[in-house]
Amino acid sequence: MEHAFGWWSLLPPILALTLVILTRKVLISLGIAILVGAFMVFDQHIGQALAGIFQTIAGLLFSFEAVDSPTFSGVGQAIADARFALNNWELYIVLFLMLVGMVASLITFSGGGQAFSRWASRRIKTRKSSLFLPFVLGFVIFIDDYFNALTVGNMSRPLTDRYRVSRAKLAYIVDSTSAPICVIMPLSSWGAFIIGTLATVLTANQLEEFGAFQAFLYTVPINFYALIALLFIVLIILFNIDIGLMKRHEDRAKATGELTDPAKGDVPGDLDEALVMTNGRVYQLFLPIIALVIATTSLLFYTGATAAAAEGLPATMLNMLEYTDIGFSLLLGSCIGFIVAVATTLASKPNLPDFRKALKAGLAAMMPAIYILVLAWTTIEMINRLGTGAFLASLVSDSVNPGFLPVILFLIACFSGLATGTSWGTFGILLPIAGQMAALIEPSMAIPMFAAVLAGSIFGDHISPISDTTVLSAAGSGAHHMDHVMTQLPYAVLTAIIAGVAFLVLGFFGPIFAWIAAGALLAVTVLALQAFNKQASGKKAAQSS
């Protein structure tokens, strides 16, 4: 197979990663990579390159026939010829993200989170139970990782403080439930982002065996890092396992009540709660989320059943998921959730200027994610035109067994997520490459490769000090930022090692044997850590006596 750009096709994704590492600015880095990619695609013709980028971005808003040799006037004419028909996929996803951001902000503003914390404090009576509170809340508040990290930490902190849980331990539980929960939930902002990206990747590479929503669901049971991280937290809480710097923080908190390192002073960047209402009620937290989930789920199955019936097919679970209109369902479901959030907030008679500020804050919180998503969709178009994945596939097709592809992509995603500090930026760069490689080497490996990219990105994001969720988890939990990074590191690395072995086994023997291997390694790890803790405790007791 001829590859017109050859090694040069790697330039845009490598440039994007390098610039992010050097500048820590994802948007600028992706933008420069897109410009370079477009310049290459359109034969160093700057006018066509800019028009090509304009055409790709316009395609996110309007549905029209793409122009092979784009000009600004030609693209405008194509949009007009299509009667300015709106794009009912990418545009719906962007609107969904905006509505989710406002729902999250209103829940915080209404005081629903604080009300829940007060309610829980009357029912949770042990230190171990207090540790399970942020874990459970992570499942409840799954619609967005920013919202999760900030809300769960602030909701749990009054209770965990009472039981002398170190802020580092709380931050670890918050961080290790936020992204891992969001990445396996199709109704989260992460789910919308990933499904939107997968839809473009699958279409571009003619992987027609499943739709984007199905592909996302298929990645969930083999997203080893996310699932093992959640299991690991449960075992750590149940068996009271603290290692490394985390043990020092926990021992000090239990003995003295000092929840952070006193040598480092007060925690900077504590959240400003001036706008949060003090008369919040628990229902203001739960009703909007329940409305969002029920409405969206119902619409998913309704639109799927209707479309399947139109094709003369029975309304089975698989058919409904295959034919569902995910974009419309997410948009209308989020509209209903937003209406409920507005109603429950207004029921407390808020100050209207503050109410408007809360709405603006919700929109502002989602704009960076939307910018990255738009640039990721544009990056996908340029990578596909350059044939980056096809070239990589040609390099490994004869020299690398396809069974190694999941673990290779997992390791690449781990490094990318660590270096860039962004899971979403890594998704945008690596998912299209994974799709191209799978289509040309072994289509049956597409889902494992997608899962490997998602899993590796979460790990890299977890241990990166420049990760947004790392920063927000520490801030929401009232922990020093670098204390959180260093205390979480050993747990994340152990989880990644187990996940890496699972992806290696997955590529050759399938998911059942992969989970057997992962379960065995997790059990051995927990037993070894327990033994190490007991030995360390014994030495400390002997020294004290």
Protein backbone atom coordinates (compact mmCIF):
# COMPACT_ATOMS: atom_id res chain seq x y z
CA MET A 1 0.00 0.00 0.00
CA GLU A 2 1.25 3.45 -0.93
CA HIS A 3 1.28 6.09 1.77
CA ALA A 4 1.64 9.53 0.21
CA PHE A 5 2.83 11.27 3.34
CA GLY A 6 4.77 8.41 4.93
CA TRP A 7 6.66 9.43 8.04
CA TRP A 8 5.49 13.00 7.54
CA SER A 9 1.95 11.88 8.44
CA LEU A 10 3.17 11.54 12.04
CA LEU A 11 4.17 15.21 12.19
CA PRO A 12 0.80 16.74 13.30
CA PRO A 13 0.08 14.33 16.20
CA ILE A 14 3.73 14.38 17.37
CA LEU A 15 3.77 18.17 17.07
CA ALA A 16 0.55 18.39 19.11
CA LEU A 17 1.95 16.21 21.91
CA THR A 18 5.32 17.99 21.94
CA LEU A 19 3.79 21.45 22.07
CA VAL A 20 1.44 20.45 24.88
CA ILE A 21 4.39 19.13 26.89
CA LEU A 22 6.39 22.32 26.31
CA THR A 23 3.62 24.91 26.62
CA ARG A 24 1.00 23.12 28.79
CA LYS A 25 -1.59 24.75 26.46
CA VAL A 26 -3.75 22.10 24.80
CA LEU A 27 -5.87 24.40 22.62
CA ILE A 28 -2.97 26.29 21.07
CA SER A 29 -1.03 23.07 20.53
CA LEU A 30 -3.91 21.30 18.78
CA GLY A 31 -4.59 24.42 16.73
CA ILE A 32 -1.01 24.60 15.45
CA ALA A 33 -1.05 20.88 14.66
CA ILE A 34 -4.28 21.32 12.67
CA LEU A 35 -2.77 24.19 10.69
CA VAL A 36 0.31 22.13 9.86
CA GLY A 37 -1.82 19.11 8.93
CA ALA A 38 -4.08 21.17 6.68
CA PHE A 39 -1.05 22.81 5.03
CA MET A 40 0.28 19.33 4.22
CA VAL A 41 -3.08 17.94 3.05
CA PHE A 42 -3.71 20.78 0.62
CA ASP A 43 -0.26 20.79 -0.99
CA GLN A 44 1.16 23.78 0.90
CA HIS A 45 -1.67 25.97 -0.43
CA ILE A 46 -2.38 28.25 2.50
CA GLY A 47 -5.72 29.48 1.12
CA GLN A 48 -7.09 25.97 0.62
CA ALA A 49 -5.68 24.88 3.98
CA LEU A 50 -7.57 27.61 5.81
CA ALA A 51 -10.71 26.95 3.77
CA GLY A 52 -10.39 23.23 4.55
CA ILE A 53 -10.26 23.96 8.28
CA PHE A 54 -13.24 26.29 7.88
CA GLN A 55 -15.13 23.55 6.04
CA THR A 56 -14.46 21.02 8.79
CA ILE A 57 -15.58 23.37 11.56
CA ALA A 58 -18.62 24.50 9.54
CA GLY A 59 -19.52 20.83 9.18
CA LEU A 60 -19.96 20.67 12.95
CA LEU A 61 -22.82 23.18 12.68
CA PHE A 62 -24.33 22.45 9.26
CA SER A 63 -24.96 19.34 7.17
CA PHE A 64 -23.76 19.79 3.58
CA GLU A 65 -21.78 18.12 0.79
CA ALA A 66 -18.06 18.62 1.39
CA VAL A 67 -16.03 20.40 -1.31
CA ASP A 68 -12.97 18.48 -2.54
CA SER A 69 -10.91 21.61 -3.25
CA PRO A 70 -12.39 23.98 -0.68
CA THR A 71 -12.58 27.75 -0.89
CA PHE A 72 -14.42 29.97 1.53
CA SER A 73 -16.99 30.94 -1.10
CA GLY A 74 -17.35 27.32 -2.24
CA VAL A 75 -18.00 26.10 1.29
CA GLY A 76 -20.50 28.91 1.84
CA GLN A 77 -22.30 27.98 -1.39
CA ALA A 78 -22.43 24.30 -0.36
CA ILE A 79 -24.02 25.27 2.97
CA ALA A 80 -26.55 27.46 1.16
CA ASP A 81 -27.33 24.70 -1.37
CA ALA A 82 -28.13 22.41 1.57
CA ARG A 83 -30.56 25.10 2.84
CA PHE A 84 -28.49 25.63 5.97
CA ALA A 85 -29.52 22.25 7.33
CA LEU A 86 -28.27 21.84 10.88
CA ASN A 87 -25.92 19.06 11.86
CA ASN A 88 -27.89 16.91 14.28
CA TRP A 89 -24.86 15.15 15.79
CA GLU A 90 -21.89 17.32 16.73
CA LEU A 91 -24.09 20.38 17.32
CA TYR A 92 -26.36 18.39 19.64
CA ILE A 93 -23.36 17.12 21.61
CA VAL A 94 -22.05 20.66 22.10
CA LEU A 95 -25.47 21.85 23.30
CA PHE A 96 -25.66 18.86 25.66
CA LEU A 97 -22.33 19.80 27.22
CA MET A 98 -23.47 23.39 27.73
CA LEU A 99 -26.69 22.27 29.45
CA VAL A 100 -24.84 19.76 31.64
CA GLY A 101 -22.49 22.52 32.76
CA MET A 102 -25.41 24.72 33.81
CA VAL A 103 -27.14 21.83 35.61
CA ALA A 104 -23.96 21.13 37.59
CA SER A 105 -23.55 24.81 38.48
CA LEU A 106 -27.17 25.17 39.62
CA ILE A 107 -26.92 22.12 41.85
CA THR A 108 -23.90 23.66 43.58
CA PHE A 109 -25.47 27.12 43.71
CA SER A 110 -28.74 25.86 45.22
CA GLY A 111 -26.91 24.36 48.20
CA GLY A 112 -28.17 20.86 47.42
CA GLY A 113 -24.70 19.39 47.88
CA GLN A 114 -24.21 20.98 51.28
CA ALA A 115 -27.68 19.87 52.35
CA PHE A 116 -26.83 16.29 51.47
CA SER A 117 -23.63 16.51 53.52
CA ARG A 118 -25.63 17.64 56.58
CA TRP A 119 -28.13 14.83 56.05
CA ALA A 120 -25.38 12.19 55.72
CA SER A 121 -23.59 13.33 58.89
CA ARG A 122 -26.59 12.26 60.96
CA ARG A 123 -26.48 8.73 59.56
CA ILE A 124 -22.80 7.86 59.09
CA LYS A 125 -21.21 6.89 62.41
CA THR A 126 -17.80 5.30 61.62
CA ARG A 127 -14.55 6.37 59.97
CA LYS A 128 -14.76 3.57 57.40
CA SER A 129 -18.31 4.56 56.47
CA SER A 130 -17.21 8.16 56.04
CA LEU A 131 -14.63 6.98 53.47
CA PHE A 132 -17.34 5.23 51.48
CA LEU A 133 -19.34 8.48 51.25
CA PRO A 134 -17.16 10.11 48.54
CA PHE A 135 -16.92 6.76 46.75
CA VAL A 136 -20.72 6.41 46.58
CA LEU A 137 -21.20 10.07 45.69
CA GLY A 138 -18.79 9.58 42.80
CA PHE A 139 -21.30 7.15 41.28
CA VAL A 140 -24.24 9.47 41.96
CA ILE A 141 -22.62 12.62 40.55
CA PHE A 142 -21.33 11.17 37.30
CA ILE A 143 -22.43 13.75 34.76
CA ASP A 144 -19.08 15.59 34.64
CA ASP A 145 -15.64 15.11 36.15
CA TYR A 146 -15.16 18.78 37.06
CA PHE A 147 -18.54 18.82 38.78
CA ASN A 148 -17.76 15.47 40.41
CA ALA A 149 -14.32 16.48 41.70
CA LEU A 150 -15.47 19.79 43.16
CA THR A 151 -18.85 18.70 44.50
CA VAL A 152 -17.90 15.32 46.02
CA GLY A 153 -14.90 16.78 47.84
CA ASN A 154 -16.89 19.65 49.30
CA MET A 155 -19.84 17.43 50.22
CA SER A 156 -17.69 14.82 51.95
CA ARG A 157 -15.13 17.02 53.68
CA PRO A 158 -17.20 18.06 56.73
CA LEU A 159 -17.88 14.41 57.53
CA THR A 160 -14.42 12.99 56.81
CA ASP A 161 -12.86 15.83 58.83
CA ARG A 162 -14.94 14.74 61.82
CA TYR A 163 -13.43 11.24 61.62
CA ARG A 164 -9.87 12.51 61.09
CA VAL A 165 -9.48 11.37 57.51
CA SER A 166 -6.51 13.12 55.94
CA ARG A 167 -7.30 15.47 53.09
CA ALA A 168 -4.84 13.53 50.92
CA LYS A 169 -6.88 10.34 51.41
CA LEU A 170 -10.10 12.16 50.57
CA ALA A 171 -8.53 13.71 47.45
CA TYR A 172 -7.35 10.28 46.30
CA ILE A 173 -10.84 8.77 46.62
CA VAL A 174 -12.41 11.78 44.88
CA ASP A 175 -9.91 11.78 42.00
CA SER A 176 -10.03 8.01 41.53
CA THR A 177 -13.81 8.00 41.27
CA SER A 178 -14.35 11.13 39.14
CA ALA A 179 -12.69 10.27 35.81
CA PRO A 180 -13.08 6.45 36.13
CA ILE A 181 -16.83 6.89 36.72
CA CYS A 182 -17.32 9.49 33.98
CA VAL A 183 -15.41 7.46 31.39
CA ILE A 184 -17.75 4.45 31.73
CA MET A 185 -21.02 6.43 31.87
CA PRO A 186 -22.60 7.19 28.46
CA LEU A 187 -24.73 9.98 29.95
CA SER A 188 -21.76 11.95 31.26
CA SER A 189 -19.99 14.79 29.48
CA TRP A 190 -17.12 12.33 28.97
CA GLY A 191 -19.49 9.80 27.42
CA ALA A 192 -20.82 12.44 25.04
CA PHE A 193 -17.28 13.50 24.09
CA ILE A 194 -16.09 9.92 23.50
CA ILE A 195 -19.23 8.87 21.62
CA GLY A 196 -18.96 11.96 19.44
CA THR A 197 -15.33 11.21 18.69
CA LEU A 198 -15.99 7.52 18.03
CA ALA A 199 -18.83 8.35 15.64
CA THR A 200 -16.43 10.31 13.45
CA VAL A 201 -13.69 7.68 13.75
CA LEU A 202 -15.99 4.76 12.87
CA THR A 203 -17.48 6.55 9.87
CA ALA A 204 -14.11 7.70 8.54
CA ASN A 205 -12.70 4.16 8.71
CA GLN A 206 -15.86 2.35 7.55
CA LEU A 207 -16.08 0.30 10.74
CA GLU A 208 -19.79 -0.40 10.31
CA GLU A 209 -20.23 -3.43 12.56
CA PHE A 210 -21.50 -1.23 15.39
CA GLY A 211 -22.56 2.34 16.02
CA ALA A 212 -20.73 4.86 18.21
CA PHE A 213 -23.02 4.30 21.20
CA GLN A 214 -22.62 0.52 20.98
CA ALA A 215 -18.85 0.88 20.60
CA PHE A 216 -18.70 2.98 23.74
CA LEU A 217 -20.76 0.44 25.71
CA TYR A 218 -18.52 -2.40 24.49
CA THR A 219 -15.43 -0.59 25.86
CA VAL A 220 -16.86 -0.35 29.37
CA PRO A 221 -16.29 -3.96 30.59
CA ILE A 222 -12.72 -3.94 29.25
CA ASN A 223 -11.71 -0.47 30.44
CA PHE A 224 -9.41 -2.19 32.90
CA TYR A 225 -7.75 0.85 34.45
CA ALA A 226 -11.03 2.59 35.32
CA LEU A 227 -12.72 -0.52 36.71
CA ILE A 228 -9.67 -1.80 38.63
CA ALA A 229 -9.15 1.69 40.11
CA LEU A 230 -12.70 1.56 41.49
CA LEU A 231 -12.25 -1.97 42.85
CA PHE A 232 -8.93 -0.98 44.39
CA ILE A 233 -10.56 1.87 46.32
CA VAL A 234 -13.13 -0.51 47.83
CA LEU A 235 -10.40 -2.90 48.96
CA ILE A 236 -8.24 -0.09 50.34
CA ILE A 237 -11.13 1.20 52.43
CA LEU A 238 -12.23 -2.25 53.61
CA PHE A 239 -8.73 -3.39 54.62
CA ASN A 240 -7.42 0.02 55.70
CA ILE A 241 -4.43 -0.07 53.35
CA ASP A 242 -2.19 3.01 53.38
CA ILE A 243 1.18 3.03 51.66
CA GLY A 244 4.02 5.45 51.13
CA LEU A 245 3.38 9.11 51.81
CA MET A 246 -0.35 8.40 52.22
CA LYS A 247 0.37 6.37 55.38
CA ARG A 248 2.26 9.31 56.87
CA HIS A 249 -0.67 11.63 56.21
CA GLU A 250 -3.19 9.17 57.64
CA ASP A 251 -1.11 8.38 60.75
CA ARG A 252 -0.70 12.09 61.50
CA ALA A 253 -4.41 12.77 61.00
CA LYS A 254 -5.45 9.92 63.31
CA ALA A 255 -2.94 10.82 66.01
CA THR A 256 -3.12 14.61 66.04
CA GLY A 257 -6.15 15.62 64.01
CA GLU A 258 -3.92 17.57 61.58
CA LEU A 259 -5.55 16.78 58.23
CA THR A 260 -2.84 18.38 56.06
CA ASP A 261 0.91 18.77 56.39
CA PRO A 262 1.32 21.60 58.93
CA ALA A 263 4.75 22.46 57.52
CA LYS A 264 3.09 23.61 54.30
CA GLY A 265 0.61 25.99 55.90
CA ASP A 266 -2.96 26.59 54.81
CA VAL A 267 -4.19 25.06 51.56
CA PRO A 268 -4.24 27.70 48.82
CA GLY A 269 -7.13 28.01 46.42
CA ASP A 270 -9.96 26.91 48.69
CA LEU A 271 -13.24 27.23 46.83
CA ASP A 272 -15.19 30.48 47.12
CA GLU A 273 -18.58 29.51 48.47
CA ALA A 274 -19.97 33.04 48.67
CA LEU A 275 -22.60 32.35 46.02
CA VAL A 276 -23.81 29.06 47.46
CA MET A 277 -27.24 29.33 49.09
CA THR A 278 -27.48 28.32 52.72
CA ASN A 279 -31.05 27.02 52.62
CA GLY A 280 -30.39 24.16 50.20
CA ARG A 281 -32.36 20.93 50.31
CA VAL A 282 -31.28 17.38 49.44
CA TYR A 283 -33.81 17.07 46.61
CA GLN A 284 -32.04 19.92 44.79
CA LEU A 285 -29.10 17.56 44.29
CA PHE A 286 -30.98 14.42 43.34
CA LEU A 287 -33.99 15.57 41.30
CA PRO A 288 -32.06 17.19 38.39
CA ILE A 289 -29.71 14.20 38.10
CA ILE A 290 -32.56 11.67 38.32
CA ALA A 291 -34.56 13.65 35.73
CA LEU A 292 -31.56 13.79 33.40
CA VAL A 293 -30.89 10.05 33.69
CA ILE A 294 -34.51 8.87 33.38
CA ALA A 295 -35.36 11.25 30.52
CA THR A 296 -32.25 10.46 28.49
CA THR A 297 -32.47 6.70 29.04
CA SER A 298 -36.14 6.65 28.09
CA LEU A 299 -35.45 8.67 24.94
CA LEU A 300 -32.56 6.39 23.99
CA PHE A 301 -34.82 3.36 24.01
CA TYR A 302 -37.81 5.18 22.50
CA THR A 303 -35.91 6.60 19.53
CA GLY A 304 -34.18 3.23 19.06
CA ALA A 305 -37.44 1.28 19.13
CA THR A 306 -39.08 3.72 16.70
CA ALA A 307 -36.19 3.57 14.23
CA ALA A 308 -35.94 -0.23 14.48
CA ALA A 309 -39.68 -0.56 13.82
CA ALA A 310 -39.30 1.65 10.74
CA GLU A 311 -36.73 -0.86 9.47
CA GLY A 312 -39.12 -3.74 10.14
CA LEU A 313 -37.03 -5.04 13.08
CA PRO A 314 -38.22 -6.13 16.55
CA ALA A 315 -37.56 -3.79 19.47
CA THR A 316 -34.84 -5.89 21.08
CA MET A 317 -32.27 -4.33 23.39
CA LEU A 318 -29.52 -4.64 20.75
CA ASN A 319 -31.68 -3.20 17.97
CA MET A 320 -32.80 -0.27 20.11
CA LEU A 321 -29.19 0.58 21.00
CA GLU A 322 -28.08 0.20 17.38
CA TYR A 323 -30.78 2.49 15.95
CA THR A 324 -31.11 4.98 18.79
CA ASP A 325 -30.69 8.70 18.13
CA ILE A 326 -28.07 9.38 20.79
CA GLY A 327 -27.56 13.05 19.93
CA PHE A 328 -31.26 13.92 20.12
CA SER A 329 -31.73 11.83 23.27
CA LEU A 330 -28.83 13.49 25.06
CA LEU A 331 -29.96 16.97 24.05
CA LEU A 332 -33.63 16.57 25.00
CA GLY A 333 -32.76 14.65 28.19
CA SER A 334 -30.37 17.39 29.27
CA CYS A 335 -33.05 20.01 28.51
CA ILE A 336 -35.40 18.21 30.89
CA GLY A 337 -32.66 17.93 33.53
CA PHE A 338 -31.91 21.63 33.11
CA ILE A 339 -35.58 22.60 33.51
CA VAL A 340 -35.79 20.54 36.70
CA ALA A 341 -32.56 22.13 38.01
CA VAL A 342 -33.93 25.62 37.32
CA ALA A 343 -37.25 24.79 39.01
CA THR A 344 -35.65 23.29 42.13
CA THR A 345 -33.26 26.24 42.42
CA LEU A 346 -35.96 28.88 41.97
CA ALA A 347 -38.03 27.13 44.64
CA SER A 348 -35.51 28.48 47.20
CA LYS A 349 -36.09 32.06 45.96
CA PRO A 350 -32.48 32.86 45.06
CA ASN A 351 -31.01 36.27 44.39
CA LEU A 352 -31.57 36.62 40.64
CA PRO A 353 -28.21 38.27 39.84
CA ASP A 354 -26.47 35.41 41.65
CA PHE A 355 -28.68 32.93 39.77
CA ARG A 356 -27.51 34.41 36.47
CA LYS A 357 -23.90 34.28 37.66
CA ALA A 358 -24.35 30.57 38.44
CA LEU A 359 -25.67 29.93 34.91
CA LYS A 360 -22.77 31.83 33.37
CA ALA A 361 -20.31 29.93 35.56
CA GLY A 362 -21.78 26.63 34.35
CA LEU A 363 -21.35 27.65 30.73
CA ALA A 364 -17.85 28.97 31.36
CA ALA A 365 -16.84 25.69 33.04
CA MET A 366 -17.75 23.69 29.92
CA MET A 367 -16.24 25.99 27.30
CA PRO A 368 -12.67 24.55 27.53
CA ALA A 369 -14.12 21.06 27.02
CA ILE A 370 -16.12 22.27 24.01
CA TYR A 371 -13.07 23.99 22.51
CA ILE A 372 -11.03 20.79 22.87
CA LEU A 373 -13.87 18.75 21.37
CA VAL A 374 -14.14 21.00 18.30
CA LEU A 375 -10.37 20.88 17.79
CA ALA A 376 -10.38 17.10 18.34
CA TRP A 377 -13.02 16.64 15.61
CA THR A 378 -10.94 18.85 13.30
CA THR A 379 -7.77 16.91 14.18
CA ILE A 380 -9.54 13.67 13.29
CA GLU A 381 -10.30 15.02 9.82
CA MET A 382 -6.67 16.02 9.21
CA ILE A 383 -5.25 12.74 10.56
CA ASN A 384 -7.61 10.78 8.33
CA ARG A 385 -6.65 12.83 5.28
CA LEU A 386 -2.96 12.33 6.04
CA GLY A 387 -3.43 8.60 6.59
CA THR A 388 -1.48 8.61 9.86
CA GLY A 389 -3.16 5.46 11.14
CA ALA A 390 -2.76 3.74 7.78
CA PHE A 391 0.96 4.45 7.80
CA LEU A 392 1.38 3.21 11.37
CA ALA A 393 -0.60 0.13 10.46
CA SER A 394 1.76 -0.54 7.56
CA LEU A 395 4.73 -0.37 9.93
CA VAL A 396 3.37 -2.90 12.40
CA SER A 397 1.20 -5.09 10.19
CA ASP A 398 4.04 -7.47 9.37
CA SER A 399 6.25 -7.03 12.41
CA VAL A 400 3.79 -6.83 15.32
CA ASN A 401 1.26 -9.47 16.26
CA PRO A 402 -2.22 -7.81 16.40
CA GLY A 403 -2.61 -9.24 19.90
CA PHE A 404 -0.04 -6.71 21.14
CA LEU A 405 -1.96 -3.69 19.80
CA PRO A 406 -4.15 -3.07 22.90
CA VAL A 407 -1.24 -3.04 25.34
CA ILE A 408 0.89 -0.93 22.97
CA LEU A 409 -1.85 1.69 22.67
CA PHE A 410 -2.41 1.55 26.43
CA LEU A 411 1.25 2.40 27.08
CA ILE A 412 1.25 5.20 24.47
CA ALA A 413 -1.92 6.67 25.99
CA CYS A 414 -0.41 6.44 29.49
CA PHE A 415 2.57 8.52 28.40
CA SER A 416 0.43 10.98 26.43
CA GLY A 417 -1.98 11.55 29.31
CA LEU A 418 0.90 12.04 31.75
CA ALA A 419 2.74 14.45 29.47
CA THR A 420 -0.26 16.52 28.45
CA GLY A 421 -2.33 16.37 31.64
CA THR A 422 -5.51 15.96 29.61
CA SER A 423 -7.48 12.81 28.94
CA TRP A 424 -9.66 14.53 26.35
CA GLY A 425 -6.72 15.82 24.34
CA THR A 426 -5.25 12.31 24.35
CA PHE A 427 -8.60 10.85 23.25
CA GLY A 428 -8.73 13.31 20.36
CA ILE A 429 -5.23 12.43 19.16
CA LEU A 430 -5.12 8.65 19.70
CA LEU A 431 -8.68 7.40 19.06
CA PRO A 432 -8.59 8.26 15.33
CA ILE A 433 -5.14 6.64 15.03
CA ALA A 434 -6.45 3.53 16.80
CA GLY A 435 -9.43 3.42 14.44
CA GLN A 436 -7.29 3.63 11.33
CA MET A 437 -4.87 0.98 12.59
CA ALA A 438 -7.68 -1.41 13.54
CA ALA A 439 -9.45 -0.98 10.20
CA LEU A 440 -6.32 -1.87 8.25
CA ILE A 441 -4.73 -4.51 10.48
CA GLU A 442 -7.50 -6.30 12.36
CA PRO A 443 -11.02 -4.77 12.62
CA SER A 444 -11.96 -7.16 15.45
CA MET A 445 -9.35 -5.40 17.64
CA ALA A 446 -11.05 -1.98 17.29
CA ILE A 447 -13.00 -2.14 20.58
CA PRO A 448 -10.02 -3.42 22.65
CA MET A 449 -7.85 -0.70 21.11
CA PHE A 450 -10.41 2.02 21.85
CA ALA A 451 -10.70 0.73 25.44
CA ALA A 452 -6.90 0.75 25.79
CA VAL A 453 -6.72 4.41 24.69
CA LEU A 454 -9.44 5.39 27.16
CA ALA A 455 -7.82 3.45 30.01
CA GLY A 456 -4.28 4.72 29.41
CA SER A 457 -5.49 8.30 29.13
CA ILE A 458 -7.14 8.09 32.56
CA PHE A 459 -3.94 6.78 34.18
CA GLY A 460 -1.79 9.49 32.62
CA ASP A 461 -4.27 12.12 33.72
CA HIS A 462 -4.32 10.69 37.28
CA ILE A 463 -0.61 11.05 37.89
CA SER A 464 -0.04 14.27 35.95
CA PRO A 465 0.46 17.33 38.18
CA ILE A 466 -0.89 19.55 35.39
CA SER A 467 -4.17 17.63 35.09
CA ASP A 468 -7.32 19.69 35.64
CA THR A 469 -9.03 16.91 37.58
CA THR A 470 -5.95 16.45 39.77
CA VAL A 471 -5.97 20.14 40.61
CA LEU A 472 -9.75 20.25 41.18
CA SER A 473 -9.78 17.08 43.29
CA ALA A 474 -7.16 18.55 45.58
CA ALA A 475 -8.99 21.90 45.73
CA GLY A 476 -12.40 20.38 46.38
CA SER A 477 -10.96 18.14 49.10
CA GLY A 478 -8.89 20.91 50.71
CA ALA A 479 -5.58 19.13 50.08
CA HIS A 480 -2.23 20.53 48.99
CA HIS A 481 -1.91 19.92 45.27
CA MET A 482 1.46 18.14 45.22
CA ASP A 483 0.61 16.14 48.35
CA HIS A 484 -2.34 14.76 46.41
CA VAL A 485 -0.17 14.00 43.37
CA MET A 486 2.47 12.15 45.40
CA THR A 487 0.08 10.22 47.67
CA GLN A 488 -2.01 9.03 44.73
CA LEU A 489 0.98 8.00 42.62
CA PRO A 490 1.70 4.52 44.12
CA TYR A 491 -1.95 3.44 43.91
CA ALA A 492 -2.27 4.65 40.31
CA VAL A 493 0.96 2.94 39.22
CA LEU A 494 -0.07 -0.38 40.77
CA THR A 495 -3.46 -0.12 39.07
CA ALA A 496 -1.81 0.66 35.72
CA ILE A 497 0.52 -2.36 35.99
CA ILE A 498 -2.45 -4.68 36.59
CA ALA A 499 -4.39 -3.03 33.75
CA GLY A 500 -1.41 -3.34 31.39
CA VAL A 501 -1.16 -7.08 32.04
CA ALA A 502 -4.93 -7.37 31.49
CA PHE A 503 -4.68 -5.64 28.10
CA LEU A 504 -1.82 -7.95 27.11
CA VAL A 505 -3.90 -11.01 28.00
CA LEU A 506 -6.95 -9.47 26.31
CA GLY A 507 -5.20 -9.21 22.97
CA PHE A 508 -4.46 -12.93 22.85
CA PHE A 509 -7.02 -14.72 25.01
CA GLY A 510 -10.07 -12.44 25.30
CA PRO A 511 -11.82 -10.56 28.13
CA ILE A 512 -12.62 -13.51 30.41
CA PHE A 513 -8.99 -14.58 30.81
CA ALA A 514 -7.95 -10.91 31.01
CA TRP A 515 -10.23 -10.42 34.02
CA ILE A 516 -9.01 -13.65 35.62
CA ALA A 517 -5.43 -12.37 35.33
CA ALA A 518 -6.40 -8.92 36.61
CA GLY A 519 -8.35 -10.36 39.54
CA ALA A 520 -5.48 -12.61 40.56
CA LEU A 521 -2.96 -9.77 40.38
CA LEU A 522 -5.25 -7.45 42.34
CA ALA A 523 -5.69 -10.08 45.08
CA VAL A 524 -1.94 -10.67 45.31
CA THR A 525 -1.31 -6.91 45.43
CA VAL A 526 -3.78 -6.38 48.27
CA LEU A 527 -2.39 -9.30 50.28
CA ALA A 528 1.17 -8.04 49.79
CA LEU A 529 0.22 -4.51 50.86
CA GLN A 530 -1.57 -5.85 53.94
CA ALA A 531 1.51 -7.85 54.92
CA PHE A 532 3.73 -4.82 54.37
CA ASN A 533 1.44 -2.65 56.51
CA LYS A 534 1.44 -5.18 59.35
CA GLN A 535 5.23 -5.44 59.24
CA ALA A 536 5.60 -1.66 59.27
CA SER A 537 3.14 -1.34 62.17
CA GLY A 538 5.03 -4.03 64.11
CA LYS A 539 8.35 -2.22 63.69
CA LYS A 540 6.78 1.07 64.78
CA ALA A 541 5.28 -0.55 67.89
CA ALA A 542 8.63 -2.17 68.77
CA GLN A 543 10.44 1.16 68.42
CA SER A 544 7.83 2.89 70.61
CA SER A 545 8.22 0.31 73.36
